[in-house]
């Protein structure tokens, strides 16, 4: 009995600890990375969720010229260094499409990290780029085996890990990305059970911004608490995105900017949301392109208001929340005026009820419009 316990404990100690920073490319392939290393028999260690402490630590190493997303990524790597992992997984994945690419910082960050942080664990840095290096699918598989052999020498185990990781990532993508049927059903669902119209916003931004509580300033959650229904650029069906991008005069080759611009163009054209909100981590080069394209198209469609929020480590939370509340309340006020005009001819009026939300609506029956009076 004692020998079996000793054997189990020695096996547990022998497991390799692989650290994965929760930032940048991680939010593109979270299940792919996790399942791959777990199937190899490694212990996957994630950095903690972004918070102010992690950001302040990152700013000690970050350069002023780096974008907000890269600054906080340094904090995640520094957190993993404290956890004493055996390997640090920092893939340089430029993209597997012949023309579309990920942001260049996905390639440059491992070198930046080695330059500014000391005493780092051994790094696993596979590099894949079909655009620049003409890498194909076979090279991607070879890169996976190169990393896998650091954990196990069993090629069959690595093969199984690749297949299961890809399958898990596909399932994750299907859950995140809506199909056209779900999108159109969401667009048609405009009223609450009380008969009031919902306020709907499309939230544009990189996956690693939308999912990060510090980079996004919790804006997705704040909007939900304000009673707003949100759809993100990450959720829009790829078929609709590609159809919209064909209307541009030039080819947009940054992969994530394509989703952002495609989503904006779709809702500007169809007018099935009340507003568009774009989150921009400063100073992001690819977003500088997408934000300008979106702004120019939005000026031609005055019915759909657009707000673009620039975010960095100096952004004041109070001022940001004020702008967000003003944006949402403007759309709620517009709904109120539309309802008042609509029901004026049906012997119904709208009343404003004092609650925590300054614009809470209800429709009440009236024998005469004069009896209820005008909205104050």
Protein backbone atom coordinates (compact mmCIF):
# COMPACT_ATOMS: atom_id res chain seq x y z
CA UNK A 1 0.00 0.00 0.00
CA UNK A 2 2.80 2.38 0.96
CA UNK A 3 4.66 1.58 -2.26
CA UNK A 4 1.60 2.32 -4.45
CA UNK A 5 1.08 5.69 -2.72
CA UNK A 6 4.75 6.50 -3.23
CA UNK A 7 4.48 5.56 -6.93
CA UNK A 8 1.42 7.77 -7.41
CA UNK A 9 3.09 10.74 -5.73
CA UNK A 10 6.21 10.34 -7.87
CA UNK A 11 4.06 10.29 -11.03
CA UNK A 12 2.29 13.44 -9.91
CA UNK A 13 5.63 15.15 -9.36
CA UNK A 14 6.79 14.05 -12.80
CA UNK A 15 3.95 15.88 -14.59
CA UNK A 16 5.19 18.86 -16.55
CA UNK A 17 3.63 22.20 -15.66
CA UNK A 18 2.79 24.29 -18.73
CA UNK A 19 1.92 27.94 -18.19
CA UNK A 20 -0.50 29.66 -20.59
CA UNK A 21 -0.99 33.47 -20.28
CA UNK A 22 -4.67 34.48 -20.46
CA UNK A 23 -4.27 37.20 -23.04
CA UNK A 24 -3.88 37.95 -26.77
CA UNK A 25 -3.96 34.72 -28.82
CA UNK A 26 -5.26 32.63 -25.90
CA UNK A 27 -8.76 34.05 -26.42
CA UNK A 28 -8.70 32.85 -30.04
CA UNK A 29 -7.94 29.22 -29.18
CA UNK A 30 -8.65 28.60 -25.48
CA UNK A 31 -9.87 25.02 -25.82
CA UNK A 32 -7.23 24.07 -28.39
CA UNK A 33 -4.37 24.93 -26.06
CA UNK A 34 -5.90 23.51 -22.89
CA UNK A 35 -7.04 20.17 -24.31
CA UNK A 36 -3.81 19.62 -26.24
CA UNK A 37 -1.57 19.86 -23.19
CA UNK A 38 -3.97 18.00 -20.89
CA UNK A 39 -4.14 15.10 -23.36
CA UNK A 40 -0.35 14.99 -23.38
CA UNK A 41 -0.44 14.50 -19.62
CA UNK A 42 0.80 17.96 -18.63
CA UNK A 43 -0.63 20.10 -15.88
CA UNK A 44 -1.97 23.30 -17.45
CA UNK A 45 -1.46 26.41 -15.33
CA UNK A 46 -3.28 29.57 -16.39
CA UNK A 47 -2.39 33.05 -15.26
CA UNK A 48 -4.96 34.68 -12.98
CA UNK A 49 -7.76 36.88 -14.27
CA UNK A 50 -6.73 40.41 -15.15
CA UNK A 51 -7.02 42.89 -12.29
CA UNK A 52 -5.57 46.26 -11.29
CA UNK A 53 -2.69 44.70 -9.34
CA UNK A 54 -1.63 42.61 -12.32
CA UNK A 55 -1.81 45.70 -14.56
CA UNK A 56 0.29 47.83 -12.19
CA UNK A 57 2.95 45.12 -12.07
CA UNK A 58 2.95 44.91 -15.88
CA UNK A 59 3.46 48.66 -16.23
CA UNK A 60 6.80 48.32 -14.46
CA UNK A 61 8.12 46.41 -17.48
CA UNK A 62 5.99 47.68 -20.37
CA UNK A 63 7.10 50.32 -22.83
CA UNK A 64 4.91 53.39 -23.37
CA UNK A 65 4.69 52.56 -27.09
CA UNK A 66 3.10 49.15 -26.50
CA UNK A 67 -0.65 48.80 -26.89
CA UNK A 68 -2.86 48.28 -23.83
CA UNK A 69 -3.37 44.59 -24.67
CA UNK A 70 0.38 43.90 -24.80
CA UNK A 71 1.03 45.76 -21.57
CA UNK A 72 -1.33 43.59 -19.58
CA UNK A 73 -0.02 40.46 -21.35
CA UNK A 74 3.33 41.11 -19.67
CA UNK A 75 1.52 40.97 -16.34
CA UNK A 76 0.09 37.55 -17.18
CA UNK A 77 3.53 36.21 -18.09
CA UNK A 78 5.01 37.65 -14.90
CA UNK A 79 2.24 35.94 -12.91
CA UNK A 80 3.14 32.56 -14.45
CA UNK A 81 6.80 33.11 -13.66
CA UNK A 82 5.85 33.37 -9.98
CA UNK A 83 3.96 30.07 -10.22
CA UNK A 84 7.15 28.20 -11.11
CA UNK A 85 5.93 26.49 -14.28
CA UNK A 86 8.26 24.21 -16.27
CA UNK A 87 7.32 25.64 -19.64
CA UNK A 88 5.85 28.92 -20.84
CA UNK A 89 3.67 28.53 -23.96
CA UNK A 90 4.04 31.56 -26.25
CA UNK A 91 3.05 30.59 -29.80
CA UNK A 92 3.93 32.85 -32.72
CA UNK A 93 0.81 32.24 -34.81
CA UNK A 94 0.60 34.70 -37.68
CA UNK A 95 -2.21 32.81 -39.40
CA UNK A 96 -2.98 29.77 -41.56
CA UNK A 97 -4.76 31.75 -44.31
CA UNK A 98 -2.83 32.71 -47.45
CA UNK A 99 -3.86 36.38 -47.22
CA UNK A 100 -5.49 37.01 -43.82
CA UNK A 101 -3.18 37.49 -40.82
CA UNK A 102 -3.33 37.95 -37.08
CA UNK A 103 -1.89 41.05 -35.44
CA UNK A 104 1.95 41.30 -35.68
CA UNK A 105 2.16 41.48 -31.88
CA UNK A 106 1.29 37.76 -31.80
CA UNK A 107 4.72 37.21 -33.36
CA UNK A 108 6.73 39.88 -31.59
CA UNK A 109 5.58 39.44 -27.98
CA UNK A 110 7.77 36.38 -27.13
CA UNK A 111 10.86 38.38 -28.09
CA UNK A 112 9.68 41.40 -26.11
CA UNK A 113 9.05 39.19 -23.08
CA UNK A 114 12.56 37.74 -23.20
CA UNK A 115 13.97 41.25 -23.42
CA UNK A 116 12.16 42.74 -20.42
CA UNK A 117 11.62 39.81 -18.02
CA UNK A 118 14.40 37.82 -16.34
CA UNK A 119 14.59 34.28 -14.97
CA UNK A 120 11.86 32.98 -17.27
CA UNK A 121 11.10 29.26 -17.50
CA UNK A 122 11.80 27.42 -20.74
CA UNK A 123 9.60 28.76 -23.52
CA UNK A 124 7.64 26.79 -26.10
CA UNK A 125 7.51 29.13 -29.09
CA UNK A 126 6.20 27.40 -32.23
CA UNK A 127 6.05 29.72 -35.26
CA UNK A 128 3.49 29.34 -38.06
CA UNK A 129 2.75 31.80 -40.85
CA UNK A 130 1.29 30.80 -44.17
CA UNK A 131 1.33 34.40 -45.43
CA UNK A 132 4.98 35.23 -44.76
CA UNK A 133 6.67 31.83 -44.69
CA UNK A 134 4.30 29.87 -46.97
CA UNK A 135 3.66 27.37 -44.18
CA UNK A 136 0.92 24.84 -44.87
CA UNK A 137 -1.15 22.45 -42.71
CA UNK A 138 1.68 19.92 -42.57
CA UNK A 139 3.94 22.53 -40.96
CA UNK A 140 1.25 23.22 -38.33
CA UNK A 141 1.11 19.51 -37.46
CA UNK A 142 4.91 19.37 -37.32
CA UNK A 143 4.90 22.36 -34.92
CA UNK A 144 2.41 20.54 -32.68
CA UNK A 145 4.68 17.47 -32.59
CA UNK A 146 7.71 19.64 -31.81
CA UNK A 147 5.90 21.04 -28.77
CA UNK A 148 4.38 17.68 -27.85
CA UNK A 149 7.77 15.93 -27.67
CA UNK A 150 8.71 18.30 -24.84
CA UNK A 151 5.97 16.67 -22.75
CA UNK A 152 5.94 13.07 -24.00
CA UNK A 153 7.93 10.91 -26.40
CA UNK A 154 4.86 8.93 -27.46
CA UNK A 155 3.86 10.02 -31.03
CA UNK A 156 0.48 8.27 -30.79
CA UNK A 157 -0.34 10.26 -27.68
CA UNK A 158 0.55 13.49 -29.48
CA UNK A 159 -1.59 12.52 -32.49
CA UNK A 160 -4.55 11.81 -30.23
CA UNK A 161 -4.00 15.11 -28.40
CA UNK A 162 -4.06 17.02 -31.71
CA UNK A 163 -7.33 15.45 -32.85
CA UNK A 164 -9.09 15.95 -29.52
CA UNK A 165 -7.87 19.52 -29.17
CA UNK A 166 -9.05 20.45 -32.68
CA UNK A 167 -12.44 18.83 -32.02
CA UNK A 168 -12.84 20.74 -28.73
CA UNK A 169 -11.90 24.04 -30.39
CA UNK A 170 -14.43 23.51 -33.20
CA UNK A 171 -17.14 22.90 -30.62
CA UNK A 172 -16.12 26.08 -28.79
CA UNK A 173 -16.22 28.09 -32.02
CA UNK A 174 -19.71 26.77 -32.81
CA UNK A 175 -20.92 27.89 -29.40
CA UNK A 176 -19.42 31.36 -29.75
CA UNK A 177 -20.30 32.04 -33.40
CA UNK A 178 -24.02 32.36 -34.14
CA UNK A 179 -25.61 30.95 -37.27
CA UNK A 180 -27.79 33.13 -39.49
CA UNK A 181 -31.02 31.62 -38.17
CA UNK A 182 -30.16 32.53 -34.58
CA UNK A 183 -29.08 36.03 -35.62
CA UNK A 184 -32.30 36.79 -37.50
CA UNK A 185 -34.40 35.41 -34.62
CA UNK A 186 -32.55 37.76 -32.25
CA UNK A 187 -33.18 40.70 -34.58
CA UNK A 188 -36.92 39.95 -34.76
CA UNK A 189 -37.23 39.65 -30.99
CA UNK A 190 -37.65 43.34 -30.23
CA UNK A 191 -40.18 43.50 -27.38
CA UNK A 192 -40.11 42.60 -23.70
CA UNK A 193 -43.11 40.74 -22.26
CA UNK A 194 -44.43 44.09 -21.04
CA UNK A 195 -44.61 45.31 -24.63
CA UNK A 196 -41.64 47.64 -24.33
CA UNK A 197 -39.00 47.64 -27.02
CA UNK A 198 -35.55 46.33 -26.14
CA UNK A 199 -32.43 48.43 -26.52
CA UNK A 200 -29.91 46.48 -28.59
CA UNK A 201 -26.24 47.26 -29.15
CA UNK A 202 -23.55 45.61 -31.24
CA UNK A 203 -20.27 45.59 -29.31
CA UNK A 204 -17.17 45.65 -31.53
CA UNK A 205 -13.72 44.64 -30.31
CA UNK A 206 -10.98 42.04 -30.29
CA UNK A 207 -11.74 38.80 -28.47
CA UNK A 208 -8.90 39.44 -26.03
CA UNK A 209 -10.42 42.83 -25.20
CA UNK A 210 -14.07 41.76 -24.88
CA UNK A 211 -13.23 38.82 -22.58
CA UNK A 212 -10.73 40.67 -20.39
CA UNK A 213 -12.30 42.54 -17.43
CA UNK A 214 -9.50 45.13 -17.30
CA UNK A 215 -9.07 45.75 -21.03
CA UNK A 216 -12.85 46.05 -21.53
CA UNK A 217 -13.50 47.86 -18.23
CA UNK A 218 -16.30 45.30 -17.74
CA UNK A 219 -18.35 47.08 -20.41
CA UNK A 220 -20.19 43.90 -21.59
CA UNK A 221 -21.38 43.27 -18.02
CA UNK A 222 -22.18 46.94 -17.45
CA UNK A 223 -24.39 47.01 -20.55
CA UNK A 224 -26.27 43.92 -19.40
CA UNK A 225 -26.91 45.51 -16.00
CA UNK A 226 -28.32 48.56 -17.81
CA UNK A 227 -30.90 46.33 -19.46
CA UNK A 228 -29.24 46.37 -22.88
CA UNK A 229 -29.10 43.33 -25.14
CA UNK A 230 -25.63 42.90 -26.64
CA UNK A 231 -24.29 41.05 -29.65
CA UNK A 232 -20.54 41.11 -30.25
CA UNK A 233 -18.54 41.12 -33.47
CA UNK A 234 -17.17 37.75 -32.36
CA UNK A 235 -20.67 36.22 -32.50
CA UNK A 236 -21.75 37.40 -35.96
CA UNK A 237 -21.88 34.58 -38.57
CA UNK A 238 -18.80 34.48 -40.79
CA UNK A 239 -20.96 34.17 -43.92
CA UNK A 240 -22.54 37.56 -43.23
CA UNK A 241 -19.18 39.13 -42.41
CA UNK A 242 -17.62 37.95 -45.68
CA UNK A 243 -20.61 39.17 -47.68
CA UNK A 244 -20.30 42.66 -46.18
CA UNK A 245 -16.53 42.86 -46.68
CA UNK A 246 -16.94 42.35 -50.43
CA UNK A 247 -18.49 45.83 -50.53
CA UNK A 248 -15.23 47.46 -49.48
CA UNK A 249 -13.00 49.02 -52.12
CA UNK A 250 -9.87 47.32 -50.73
CA UNK A 251 -9.07 43.99 -49.09
CA UNK A 252 -8.85 44.05 -45.30
CA UNK A 253 -6.24 41.44 -44.37
CA UNK A 254 -6.23 41.62 -40.56
CA UNK A 255 -8.35 38.66 -39.50
CA UNK A 256 -10.03 40.10 -36.43
CA UNK A 257 -10.59 43.50 -38.03
CA UNK A 258 -12.55 41.72 -40.73
CA UNK A 259 -15.06 40.49 -38.14
CA UNK A 260 -15.27 43.94 -36.54
CA UNK A 261 -15.80 45.86 -39.80
CA UNK A 262 -18.14 43.21 -41.24
CA UNK A 263 -20.36 43.35 -38.15
CA UNK A 264 -20.51 47.16 -38.24
CA UNK A 265 -21.38 47.28 -41.94
CA UNK A 266 -24.11 44.68 -41.53
CA UNK A 267 -25.94 46.49 -38.74
CA UNK A 268 -25.49 49.89 -40.36
CA UNK A 269 -27.15 48.49 -43.47
CA UNK A 270 -29.98 46.57 -41.79
CA UNK A 271 -30.60 48.96 -38.86
CA UNK A 272 -31.64 46.14 -36.50
CA UNK A 273 -29.72 47.53 -33.51
CA UNK A 274 -30.08 50.84 -31.72
CA UNK A 275 -26.38 51.66 -31.53
CA UNK A 276 -22.82 50.56 -32.23
CA UNK A 277 -20.10 50.59 -29.59
CA UNK A 278 -16.44 49.94 -30.48
CA UNK A 279 -13.70 49.32 -27.90
CA UNK A 280 -10.24 50.43 -29.04
CA UNK A 281 -7.11 49.52 -27.02
CA UNK A 282 -4.64 52.37 -27.45
CA UNK A 283 -2.46 52.47 -29.55
CA UNK A 284 -3.62 49.54 -31.70
CA UNK A 285 -2.47 49.73 -35.34
CA UNK A 286 -5.04 47.36 -36.92
CA UNK A 287 -7.91 49.00 -35.01
CA UNK A 288 -6.81 52.40 -36.29
CA UNK A 289 -7.75 51.10 -39.74
CA UNK A 290 -11.05 49.44 -38.79
CA UNK A 291 -12.25 52.36 -36.66
CA UNK A 292 -11.74 54.81 -39.54
CA UNK A 293 -13.63 52.57 -41.98
CA UNK A 294 -16.51 52.17 -39.53
CA UNK A 295 -16.66 55.89 -38.78
CA UNK A 296 -16.87 56.83 -42.46
CA UNK A 297 -19.70 54.39 -43.11
CA UNK A 298 -21.54 55.43 -39.94
CA UNK A 299 -21.61 59.07 -41.12
CA UNK A 300 -23.72 57.94 -44.07
CA UNK A 301 -26.19 56.18 -41.75
CA UNK A 302 -27.31 58.77 -39.22
CA UNK A 303 -30.06 56.58 -37.76
CA UNK A 304 -27.57 54.31 -35.99
CA UNK A 305 -25.42 56.17 -33.42
CA UNK A 306 -21.78 55.13 -33.11
CA UNK A 307 -19.47 55.58 -30.12
CA UNK A 308 -15.79 54.59 -30.18
CA UNK A 309 -14.12 54.34 -26.77
CA UNK A 310 -10.33 54.54 -26.62
CA UNK A 311 -9.01 52.47 -23.70
CA UNK A 312 -5.60 52.46 -22.04
CA UNK A 313 -4.02 52.28 -18.60
CA UNK A 314 -4.73 55.99 -18.03
CA UNK A 315 -8.45 55.79 -18.82
CA UNK A 316 -10.58 57.04 -15.95
CA UNK A 317 -13.32 54.59 -15.03
CA UNK A 318 -15.75 57.27 -13.81
CA UNK A 319 -15.58 59.24 -17.06
CA UNK A 320 -15.91 56.09 -19.12
CA UNK A 321 -19.00 54.94 -17.23
CA UNK A 322 -20.56 58.40 -17.62
CA UNK A 323 -20.12 58.28 -21.39
CA UNK A 324 -21.51 54.75 -21.49
CA UNK A 325 -24.58 55.68 -19.44
CA UNK A 326 -25.20 58.75 -21.58
CA UNK A 327 -25.01 56.65 -24.74
CA UNK A 328 -27.47 54.06 -23.40
CA UNK A 329 -29.88 56.62 -21.94
CA UNK A 330 -29.95 58.48 -25.27
CA UNK A 331 -31.18 55.33 -26.98
CA UNK A 332 -33.71 54.66 -24.21
CA UNK A 333 -35.01 58.21 -24.53
CA UNK A 334 -35.40 57.69 -28.25
CA UNK A 335 -37.45 54.55 -27.56
CA UNK A 336 -39.62 56.53 -25.15
CA UNK A 337 -40.39 59.22 -27.71
CA UNK A 338 -41.13 56.64 -30.38
CA UNK A 339 -43.54 54.80 -28.10
CA UNK A 340 -45.28 58.00 -27.08
CA UNK A 341 -45.82 58.93 -30.70
CA UNK A 342 -46.98 55.42 -31.60
CA UNK A 343 -49.56 55.07 -28.84
CA UNK A 344 -50.83 58.62 -29.01
CA UNK A 345 -53.29 57.52 -31.69
CA UNK A 346 -54.37 54.35 -29.88
CA UNK A 347 -55.78 55.95 -26.73
CA UNK A 348 -52.64 54.84 -24.88
CA UNK A 349 -49.80 56.83 -23.39
CA UNK A 350 -46.39 56.10 -21.93
CA UNK A 351 -45.45 56.89 -18.37
CA UNK A 352 -42.05 57.25 -16.79
CA UNK A 353 -41.64 55.36 -13.52
CA UNK A 354 -38.98 56.57 -11.04
CA UNK A 355 -36.63 53.65 -10.42
CA UNK A 356 -32.90 53.10 -10.28
CA UNK A 357 -32.90 53.30 -14.04
CA UNK A 358 -33.73 56.94 -14.93
CA UNK A 359 -35.68 55.84 -18.00
CA UNK A 360 -38.00 52.96 -17.10
CA UNK A 361 -41.06 52.74 -19.31
CA UNK A 362 -44.54 51.30 -19.00
CA UNK A 363 -47.58 51.47 -21.27
CA UNK A 364 -50.88 52.22 -19.52
CA UNK A 365 -54.42 52.38 -20.83
CA UNK A 366 -56.15 55.74 -20.85
CA UNK A 367 -59.59 57.02 -21.80
CA UNK A 368 -58.12 60.32 -22.84
CA UNK A 369 -54.64 61.55 -23.53
CA UNK A 370 -55.39 64.75 -21.61
CA UNK A 371 -56.21 62.80 -18.46
CA UNK A 372 -52.72 61.40 -18.21
CA UNK A 373 -50.95 64.50 -19.40
CA UNK A 374 -47.79 64.84 -21.38
CA UNK A 375 -44.51 63.20 -20.47
CA UNK A 376 -42.43 65.30 -18.10
